[in-house]
Amino acid sequence: MSIICLWSGPRNVSTALMYSFAERPDTRVVDEPLYGHYLRVSGADHPGRDEVMQSMNTDGNDVMQTLIYGARPSSEVLFIKHMAHHLVDLDLSFLGGAQNALLIRDPKEMLPSLTVQIPHARLADTGLERQWNLYQSLESLGQQPAIIDARELLLDPDGVIAALCRHLDIDFHPGMLSWSAGPIKEDGVWAPHWYHAVHKSTGFANYVAKQDFPSELLPLLEECHPYYEKLHALSIKARPPEDFPS
């Protein structure tokens, strides 16, 4: 049995990565089980807030104890997609019962997308500072969490997913590179607000660099940048183009 907690920031292709793991024959995926807890304790005004809180258990400690320590088939891989900023007012002892990975994205590319949904986003909404602190906490527990960068993943899905599987000590399945368009049954009720692009996809999109950055977001970018750079330096990198299969 392998339990994998993915700690992502928002707008980081995390749903595509969840869809990738959902294609594995041995894996069950869970979509952001701490979202209701986060909305309850933070008071954050997110799209569909009331519907989200009504759809799930909002006691985060109970949620994670049940997921991590509940009974399940010994052959199952459990992949739990989380947002790092949902880790508030929680007993974090459950982290020791799972393998943990972080998914990051260059804030220059993430912030314009995030502020469409959260116009007055702050550093805490990006999850980057929380991810860096979480990485250090996991290291102190003796873990070496994998770090996946969205750009590296989109440049080389095959290589980065295979490297992630090796890090997690699970087999790589080529089927992880594609899926059918449309929602999956594991989507949270918030999917209509956030998952438009992934529902149109059938695999990881080609990486396309964003050209313009809004000047009003420059102060937030400056706050984000040091945390992103430290995490990116430790991330799984795309293979050089010359190493791709011909």
Protein backbone atom coordinates (compact mmCIF):
# COMPACT_ATOMS: atom_id res chain seq x y z
CA MET A 1 0.00 0.00 0.00
CA SER A 2 1.30 3.44 -0.93
CA ILE A 3 -0.27 6.72 0.18
CA ILE A 4 0.81 9.80 -1.75
CA CYS A 5 -0.10 13.33 -0.69
CA LEU A 6 0.46 15.92 -3.40
CA TRP A 7 0.77 19.46 -2.01
CA SER A 8 0.18 21.90 -4.83
CA GLY A 9 -0.33 25.59 -5.29
CA PRO A 10 -3.39 26.78 -7.23
CA ARG A 11 -3.38 26.87 -11.06
CA ASN A 12 -0.46 24.41 -11.14
CA VAL A 13 -1.80 21.64 -13.43
CA SER A 14 -2.53 19.67 -10.25
CA THR A 15 -5.87 18.43 -11.60
CA ALA A 16 -4.16 17.12 -14.73
CA LEU A 17 -1.69 15.29 -12.50
CA MET A 18 -4.61 13.82 -10.52
CA TYR A 19 -6.22 12.70 -13.79
CA SER A 20 -2.90 11.11 -14.75
CA PHE A 21 -2.81 9.06 -11.54
CA ALA A 22 -6.50 8.16 -11.97
CA GLU A 23 -5.50 6.29 -15.15
CA ARG A 24 -3.39 3.84 -13.14
CA PRO A 25 -5.12 0.47 -12.65
CA ASP A 26 -3.91 0.25 -9.04
CA THR A 27 -4.75 3.78 -7.87
CA ARG A 28 -7.63 5.59 -6.20
CA VAL A 29 -7.53 9.40 -6.30
CA VAL A 30 -9.07 11.89 -3.86
CA ASP A 31 -9.64 15.53 -4.81
CA GLU A 32 -8.75 18.20 -2.21
CA PRO A 33 -10.33 16.63 0.87
CA LEU A 34 -9.23 19.57 3.06
CA TYR A 35 -10.98 22.24 0.96
CA GLY A 36 -14.07 22.36 3.19
CA HIS A 37 -11.89 22.54 6.31
CA TYR A 38 -9.88 25.40 4.80
CA LEU A 39 -12.97 27.39 3.87
CA ARG A 40 -14.42 26.89 7.36
CA VAL A 41 -11.37 27.95 9.35
CA SER A 42 -10.09 30.68 7.02
CA GLY A 43 -13.39 32.28 6.04
CA ALA A 44 -12.02 32.57 2.49
CA ASP A 45 -14.66 33.68 -0.02
CA HIS A 46 -14.07 31.27 -2.90
CA PRO A 47 -16.43 30.50 -5.78
CA GLY A 48 -19.06 27.97 -4.66
CA ARG A 49 -18.01 28.27 -1.02
CA ASP A 50 -21.33 27.15 0.51
CA GLU A 51 -21.76 24.23 -1.87
CA VAL A 52 -18.21 23.02 -1.16
CA MET A 53 -18.68 23.11 2.60
CA GLN A 54 -22.01 21.28 2.36
CA SER A 55 -20.52 18.56 0.17
CA MET A 56 -17.79 17.32 2.49
CA ASN A 57 -16.54 16.81 6.03
CA THR A 58 -15.09 20.14 7.20
CA ASP A 59 -13.18 18.65 10.17
CA GLY A 60 -9.75 18.39 8.57
CA ASN A 61 -8.19 16.31 11.34
CA ASP A 62 -10.94 13.71 11.05
CA VAL A 63 -10.65 13.75 7.25
CA MET A 64 -6.93 13.02 7.22
CA GLN A 65 -6.99 10.45 10.02
CA THR A 66 -9.64 8.52 8.10
CA LEU A 67 -7.79 8.73 4.79
CA ILE A 68 -4.32 7.89 6.09
CA TYR A 69 -5.17 5.28 8.70
CA GLY A 70 -8.47 3.87 7.40
CA ALA A 71 -8.72 0.32 6.08
CA ARG A 72 -8.03 -0.19 2.36
CA PRO A 73 -6.72 -2.92 0.04
CA SER A 74 -3.02 -3.57 0.62
CA SER A 75 -2.35 -3.38 -3.13
CA GLU A 76 -3.91 0.04 -3.56
CA VAL A 77 -2.08 3.26 -4.31
CA LEU A 78 -3.95 6.19 -2.78
CA PHE A 79 -3.20 9.53 -4.44
CA ILE A 80 -4.56 12.56 -2.56
CA LYS A 81 -4.44 15.93 -4.31
CA HIS A 82 -4.17 18.82 -1.84
CA MET A 83 -3.63 22.55 -1.98
CA ALA A 84 -0.73 23.50 0.28
CA HIS A 85 -2.54 26.57 1.62
CA HIS A 86 -5.28 24.30 2.99
CA LEU A 87 -2.84 23.23 5.73
CA VAL A 88 -4.17 25.54 8.44
CA ASP A 89 -5.16 24.74 12.04
CA LEU A 90 -4.39 21.04 11.63
CA ASP A 91 -2.53 18.32 13.50
CA LEU A 92 0.17 17.52 10.94
CA SER A 93 1.21 14.17 12.43
CA PHE A 94 -0.53 12.43 9.51
CA LEU A 95 2.29 13.60 7.22
CA GLY A 96 4.46 10.83 8.62
CA GLY A 97 1.98 8.24 7.39
CA ALA A 98 2.29 9.19 3.73
CA GLN A 99 4.77 9.92 1.00
CA ASN A 100 4.62 13.60 0.18
CA ALA A 101 5.27 15.49 -3.04
CA LEU A 102 5.07 19.18 -3.92
CA LEU A 103 3.84 20.66 -7.19
CA ILE A 104 5.03 24.20 -7.93
CA ARG A 105 4.67 26.67 -10.79
CA ASP A 106 6.58 29.79 -11.72
CA PRO A 107 4.55 32.63 -10.14
CA LYS A 108 5.09 34.71 -13.29
CA GLU A 109 2.86 32.17 -15.05
CA MET A 110 0.60 31.24 -12.13
CA LEU A 111 -0.43 34.64 -10.74
CA PRO A 112 -2.32 36.00 -13.78
CA SER A 113 -4.44 32.84 -13.79
CA LEU A 114 -4.98 32.82 -10.03
CA THR A 115 -6.16 36.40 -9.90
CA VAL A 116 -8.95 35.70 -12.38
CA GLN A 117 -10.64 33.69 -9.61
CA ILE A 118 -9.15 35.48 -6.59
CA PRO A 119 -8.67 39.12 -7.68
CA HIS A 120 -7.00 40.25 -4.44
CA ALA A 121 -4.73 37.24 -4.00
CA ARG A 122 -1.99 37.41 -1.37
CA LEU A 123 1.19 35.38 -0.85
CA ALA A 124 -0.75 32.93 1.34
CA ASP A 125 -3.14 32.21 -1.54
CA THR A 126 -0.26 31.04 -3.76
CA GLY A 127 0.87 28.35 -1.32
CA LEU A 128 4.55 28.96 -2.13
CA GLU A 129 5.70 30.04 1.33
CA ARG A 130 3.68 27.18 2.83
CA GLN A 131 5.26 24.73 0.41
CA TRP A 132 8.77 25.82 1.36
CA ASN A 133 7.99 25.53 5.07
CA LEU A 134 6.35 22.15 4.45
CA TYR A 135 9.41 20.93 2.56
CA GLN A 136 11.62 21.83 5.51
CA SER A 137 9.23 20.15 7.97
CA LEU A 138 9.18 16.96 5.91
CA GLU A 139 12.97 16.93 5.74
CA SER A 140 13.07 17.13 9.53
CA LEU A 141 10.89 13.99 9.59
CA GLY A 142 13.50 12.19 7.50
CA GLN A 143 11.51 12.42 4.27
CA GLN A 144 12.82 13.62 0.92
CA PRO A 145 9.67 14.87 -0.80
CA ALA A 146 9.62 14.95 -4.57
CA ILE A 147 9.16 18.40 -6.11
CA ILE A 148 7.50 18.68 -9.52
CA ASP A 149 7.54 21.95 -11.43
CA ALA A 150 4.62 22.52 -13.80
CA ARG A 151 6.84 23.85 -16.59
CA GLU A 152 9.25 20.90 -16.37
CA LEU A 153 6.27 18.52 -16.35
CA LEU A 154 4.70 20.05 -19.46
CA LEU A 155 8.04 20.11 -21.28
CA ASP A 156 8.61 16.40 -20.65
CA PRO A 157 5.55 14.57 -19.24
CA ASP A 158 6.97 11.12 -19.99
CA GLY A 159 10.32 11.76 -18.31
CA VAL A 160 9.06 13.74 -15.32
CA ILE A 161 6.19 11.35 -14.51
CA ALA A 162 8.54 8.38 -14.82
CA ALA A 163 11.05 10.08 -12.49
CA LEU A 164 8.28 10.89 -10.02
CA CYS A 165 7.17 7.25 -9.99
CA ARG A 166 10.74 6.12 -9.34
CA HIS A 167 10.99 8.59 -6.46
CA LEU A 168 7.73 7.23 -5.02
CA ASP A 169 8.84 3.62 -5.59
CA ILE A 170 5.82 2.76 -7.73
CA ASP A 171 5.70 1.43 -11.29
CA PHE A 172 5.34 3.88 -14.14
CA HIS A 173 2.31 3.21 -16.36
CA PRO A 174 2.41 4.71 -19.88
CA GLY A 175 -1.37 5.17 -19.60
CA MET A 176 -0.68 7.99 -17.13
CA LEU A 177 0.12 10.26 -20.08
CA SER A 178 -3.43 10.47 -21.46
CA TRP A 179 -7.09 10.36 -20.43
CA SER A 180 -10.53 10.89 -21.92
CA ALA A 181 -11.89 14.44 -22.19
CA GLY A 182 -14.48 15.48 -19.64
CA PRO A 183 -14.85 15.24 -15.86
CA ILE A 184 -14.09 12.20 -13.72
CA LYS A 185 -16.25 10.92 -10.88
CA GLU A 186 -13.64 11.94 -8.29
CA ASP A 187 -13.86 15.67 -9.15
CA GLY A 188 -14.92 17.90 -6.27
CA VAL A 189 -18.13 19.92 -6.58
CA TRP A 190 -15.91 22.97 -7.25
CA ALA A 191 -14.89 21.55 -10.65
CA PRO A 192 -17.27 23.82 -12.64
CA HIS A 193 -15.43 26.86 -11.21
CA TRP A 194 -11.85 25.68 -11.71
CA TYR A 195 -11.52 22.70 -14.11
CA HIS A 196 -12.62 24.10 -17.48
CA ALA A 197 -9.27 23.56 -19.20
CA VAL A 198 -8.56 20.08 -17.89
CA HIS A 199 -12.05 18.90 -18.87
CA LYS A 200 -11.18 19.78 -22.48
CA SER A 201 -7.83 17.99 -22.32
CA THR A 202 -6.82 14.44 -23.17
CA GLY A 203 -3.30 14.69 -21.77
CA PHE A 204 -0.70 17.15 -20.56
CA ALA A 205 -0.75 20.29 -22.72
CA ASN A 206 2.35 21.45 -24.56
CA TYR A 207 4.23 24.09 -22.60
CA VAL A 208 3.68 27.61 -23.91
CA ALA A 209 5.44 30.47 -22.14
CA LYS A 210 3.28 33.41 -21.13
CA GLN A 211 4.46 36.65 -22.72
CA ASP A 212 2.82 39.40 -20.68
CA PHE A 213 2.70 39.97 -16.93
CA PRO A 214 0.36 42.52 -15.32
CA SER A 215 2.33 45.32 -13.70
CA GLU A 216 -0.08 45.51 -10.76
CA LEU A 217 1.00 41.98 -9.74
CA LEU A 218 4.73 42.80 -9.61
CA PRO A 219 4.79 43.34 -5.79
CA LEU A 220 3.18 39.92 -5.24
CA LEU A 221 5.56 38.35 -7.75
CA GLU A 222 8.49 39.75 -5.79
CA GLU A 223 7.13 38.15 -2.60
CA CYS A 224 6.67 34.79 -4.31
CA HIS A 225 9.94 34.62 -6.20
CA PRO A 226 12.39 33.61 -3.41
CA TYR A 227 10.24 30.65 -2.33
CA TYR A 228 9.74 29.48 -5.90
CA GLU A 229 13.44 29.67 -6.72
CA LYS A 230 14.42 27.57 -3.68
CA LEU A 231 11.85 24.92 -4.52
CA HIS A 232 12.57 24.88 -8.24
CA ALA A 233 16.26 24.27 -7.58
CA LEU A 234 15.26 20.97 -5.90
CA SER A 235 12.68 19.91 -8.49
CA ILE A 236 12.67 17.05 -11.00
CA LYS A 237 13.92 18.47 -14.29
CA ALA A 238 12.81 17.77 -17.85
CA ARG A 239 15.24 15.77 -19.93
CA PRO A 240 17.31 17.66 -22.51
CA PRO A 241 15.63 17.45 -25.94
CA GLU A 242 18.47 15.30 -27.27
CA ASP A 243 17.60 12.62 -24.70
CA PHE A 244 14.00 12.26 -25.90
CA PRO A 245 13.17 9.04 -27.76
CA SER A 246 13.26 9.61 -31.51
